[in-house]
């Protein structure tokens, strides 16, 4: 009978130790999950902030202002536009080449 009591006592102690270990592991994992969720929220907030900042940086007025100031660009007007004519018939040659089957060269 005492052997049975000792075996049962060891079984109870083992299950108690396992229970404590499982609870500790559960709390540790919950804490890690909570930190990960908080980090995900922080990253989502930062992503939204960066998207707003990106939209603010890409406004047409700002782009035009930077193009004028840093790149010395100006608005195209008919007075400074140069038109190029096609005296060699390059467009006709390109159209003829496009009508050829693939892999066949003239």
C-alpha atoms as a PDB file:
ATOM      1  CA  UNK A   1       0.000   0.000   0.000  1.00  0.00           C
ATOM      2  CA  UNK A   2       2.818   2.461   0.754  1.00  0.00           C
ATOM      3  CA  UNK A   3       4.309   1.851  -2.686  1.00  0.00           C
ATOM      4  CA  UNK A   4       1.027   2.809  -4.258  1.00  0.00           C
ATOM      5  CA  UNK A   5       0.905   5.957  -2.106  1.00  0.00           C
ATOM      6  CA  UNK A   6       4.464   6.897  -3.117  1.00  0.00           C
ATOM      7  CA  UNK A   7       3.689   6.335  -6.811  1.00  0.00           C
ATOM      8  CA  UNK A   8       0.504   8.403  -6.544  1.00  0.00           C
ATOM      9  CA  UNK A   9       2.386  11.135  -4.659  1.00  0.00           C
ATOM     10  CA  UNK A  10       5.043  11.235  -7.398  1.00  0.00           C
ATOM     11  CA  UNK A  11       2.318  11.359 -10.056  1.00  0.00           C
ATOM     12  CA  UNK A  12       0.606  14.239  -8.267  1.00  0.00           C
ATOM     13  CA  UNK A  13       3.914  16.113  -7.898  1.00  0.00           C
ATOM     14  CA  UNK A  14       4.790  15.532 -11.558  1.00  0.00           C
ATOM     15  CA  UNK A  15       1.390  16.753 -12.717  1.00  0.00           C
ATOM     16  CA  UNK A  16       1.646  19.800 -10.415  1.00  0.00           C
ATOM     17  CA  UNK A  17       5.090  20.679 -11.810  1.00  0.00           C
ATOM     18  CA  UNK A  18       3.810  20.176 -15.365  1.00  0.00           C
ATOM     19  CA  UNK A  19       0.801  22.402 -14.602  1.00  0.00           C
ATOM     20  CA  UNK A  20       3.024  25.182 -13.247  1.00  0.00           C
ATOM     21  CA  UNK A  21       5.316  24.907 -16.280  1.00  0.00           C
ATOM     22  CA  UNK A  22       2.344  25.020 -18.665  1.00  0.00           C
ATOM     23  CA  UNK A  23       0.874  28.086 -16.958  1.00  0.00           C
ATOM     24  CA  UNK A  24       4.241  29.847 -17.059  1.00  0.00           C
ATOM     25  CA  UNK A  25       4.664  29.039 -20.751  1.00  0.00           C
ATOM     26  CA  UNK A  26       1.109  30.203 -21.451  1.00  0.00           C
ATOM     27  CA  UNK A  27       1.708  33.538 -19.712  1.00  0.00           C
ATOM     28  CA  UNK A  28       5.029  34.002 -21.510  1.00  0.00           C
ATOM     29  CA  UNK A  29       3.418  33.337 -24.901  1.00  0.00           C
ATOM     30  CA  UNK A  30       0.499  35.661 -24.105  1.00  0.00           C
ATOM     31  CA  UNK A  31       2.925  38.435 -23.190  1.00  0.00           C
ATOM     32  CA  UNK A  32       4.854  37.851 -26.421  1.00  0.00           C
ATOM     33  CA  UNK A  33       1.616  37.926 -28.423  1.00  0.00           C
ATOM     34  CA  UNK A  34       0.563  41.173 -26.713  1.00  0.00           C
ATOM     35  CA  UNK A  35       3.911  42.760 -27.593  1.00  0.00           C
ATOM     36  CA  UNK A  36       3.593  41.608 -31.200  1.00  0.00           C
ATOM     37  CA  UNK A  37       0.077  43.054 -31.476  1.00  0.00           C
ATOM     38  CA  UNK A  38       1.276  46.364 -30.016  1.00  0.00           C
ATOM     39  CA  UNK A  39       4.191  46.417 -32.495  1.00  0.00           C
ATOM     40  CA  UNK A  40       1.795  45.674 -35.365  1.00  0.00           C
ATOM     41  CA  UNK A  41      -0.430  48.577 -34.272  1.00  0.00           C
ATOM     42  CA  UNK A  42       2.575  50.876 -34.044  1.00  0.00           C
ATOM     43  CA  UNK A  43       3.783  49.846 -37.507  1.00  0.00           C
ATOM     44  CA  UNK A  44       0.299  50.286 -39.008  1.00  0.00           C
ATOM     45  CA  UNK A  45       0.076  53.780 -37.518  1.00  0.00           C
ATOM     46  CA  UNK A  46       3.518  54.651 -38.868  1.00  0.00           C
ATOM     47  CA  UNK A  47       2.580  53.257 -42.285  1.00  0.00           C
ATOM     48  CA  UNK A  48      -0.550  55.406 -42.394  1.00  0.00           C
ATOM     49  CA  UNK A  49       1.466  58.463 -41.320  1.00  0.00           C
ATOM     50  CA  UNK A  50       4.017  57.797 -44.051  1.00  0.00           C
ATOM     51  CA  UNK A  51       1.271  57.366 -46.656  1.00  0.00           C
ATOM     52  CA  UNK A  52      -0.181  60.757 -45.689  1.00  0.00           C
ATOM     53  CA  UNK A  53       3.279  62.312 -45.831  1.00  0.00           C
ATOM     54  CA  UNK A  54       3.907  60.718 -49.236  1.00  0.00           C
ATOM     55  CA  UNK A  55       0.648  62.151 -50.595  1.00  0.00           C
ATOM     56  CA  UNK A  56       1.563  65.562 -49.188  1.00  0.00           C
ATOM     57  CA  UNK A  57       5.013  65.412 -50.816  1.00  0.00           C
ATOM     58  CA  UNK A  58       3.630  64.421 -54.215  1.00  0.00           C
ATOM     59  CA  UNK A  59       1.193  67.272 -54.745  1.00  0.00           C
ATOM     60  CA  UNK A  60       1.420  68.755 -58.242  1.00  0.00           C
ATOM     61  CA  UNK A  61       2.170  72.218 -56.892  1.00  0.00           C
ATOM     62  CA  UNK A  62       5.104  70.961 -54.820  1.00  0.00           C
ATOM     63  CA  UNK A  63       6.481  68.888 -57.712  1.00  0.00           C
ATOM     64  CA  UNK A  64       6.272  71.881 -60.042  1.00  0.00           C
ATOM     65  CA  UNK A  65       7.945  74.118 -57.460  1.00  0.00           C
ATOM     66  CA  UNK A  66      10.851  71.682 -57.039  1.00  0.00           C
ATOM     67  CA  UNK A  67      11.121  71.201 -60.805  1.00  0.00           C
ATOM     68  CA  UNK A  68      11.463  74.942 -61.276  1.00  0.00           C
ATOM     69  CA  UNK A  69      13.832  75.547 -58.342  1.00  0.00           C
ATOM     70  CA  UNK A  70      16.159  72.548 -58.380  1.00  0.00           C
ATOM     71  CA  UNK A  71      15.974  71.294 -61.967  1.00  0.00           C
ATOM     72  CA  UNK A  72      15.575  74.696 -63.647  1.00  0.00           C
ATOM     73  CA  UNK A  73      12.614  73.419 -65.663  1.00  0.00           C
ATOM     74  CA  UNK A  74       9.989  75.671 -67.175  1.00  0.00           C
ATOM     75  CA  UNK A  75       6.564  75.269 -68.718  1.00  0.00           C
ATOM     76  CA  UNK A  76       6.584  74.326 -72.399  1.00  0.00           C
ATOM     77  CA  UNK A  77       5.137  77.019 -74.629  1.00  0.00           C
ATOM     78  CA  UNK A  78       4.618  77.039 -78.388  1.00  0.00           C
ATOM     79  CA  UNK A  79       7.457  79.571 -78.683  1.00  0.00           C
ATOM     80  CA  UNK A  80      10.051  77.112 -77.350  1.00  0.00           C
ATOM     81  CA  UNK A  81       8.554  73.886 -78.742  1.00  0.00           C
ATOM     82  CA  UNK A  82      10.529  72.303 -81.565  1.00  0.00           C
ATOM     83  CA  UNK A  83       8.676  69.998 -83.926  1.00  0.00           C
ATOM     84  CA  UNK A  84      10.606  67.267 -85.722  1.00  0.00           C
ATOM     85  CA  UNK A  85       9.513  66.128 -89.155  1.00  0.00           C
ATOM     86  CA  UNK A  86      10.068  62.657 -90.613  1.00  0.00           C
ATOM     87  CA  UNK A  87      11.852  63.274 -93.947  1.00  0.00           C
ATOM     88  CA  UNK A  88      13.335  59.756 -94.191  1.00  0.00           C
ATOM     89  CA  UNK A  89      10.053  57.914 -93.825  1.00  0.00           C
ATOM     90  CA  UNK A  90      11.206  56.211 -90.654  1.00  0.00           C
ATOM     91  CA  UNK A  91       7.599  55.805 -89.535  1.00  0.00           C
ATOM     92  CA  UNK A  92       6.750  53.957 -92.763  1.00  0.00           C
ATOM     93  CA  UNK A  93       9.765  51.653 -92.353  1.00  0.00           C
ATOM     94  CA  UNK A  94       8.783  50.929 -88.753  1.00  0.00           C
ATOM     95  CA  UNK A  95       5.246  50.097 -89.831  1.00  0.00           C
ATOM     96  CA  UNK A  96       6.555  47.749 -92.535  1.00  0.00           C
ATOM     97  CA  UNK A  97       8.858  46.020 -90.059  1.00  0.00           C
ATOM     98  CA  UNK A  98       5.970  45.594 -87.648  1.00  0.00           C
ATOM     99  CA  UNK A  99       3.893  43.851 -90.304  1.00  0.00           C
ATOM    100  CA  UNK A 100       6.634  41.218 -90.900  1.00  0.00           C
ATOM    101  CA  UNK A 101       6.210  37.875 -89.076  1.00  0.00           C
ATOM    102  CA  UNK A 102       8.399  37.404 -86.030  1.00  0.00           C
ATOM    103  CA  UNK A 103      11.877  36.055 -86.760  1.00  0.00           C
ATOM    104  CA  UNK A 104      11.839  37.070 -90.457  1.00  0.00           C
ATOM    105  CA  UNK A 105      14.234  39.832 -91.430  1.00  0.00           C
ATOM    106  CA  UNK A 106      13.876  41.772 -94.715  1.00  0.00           C
END
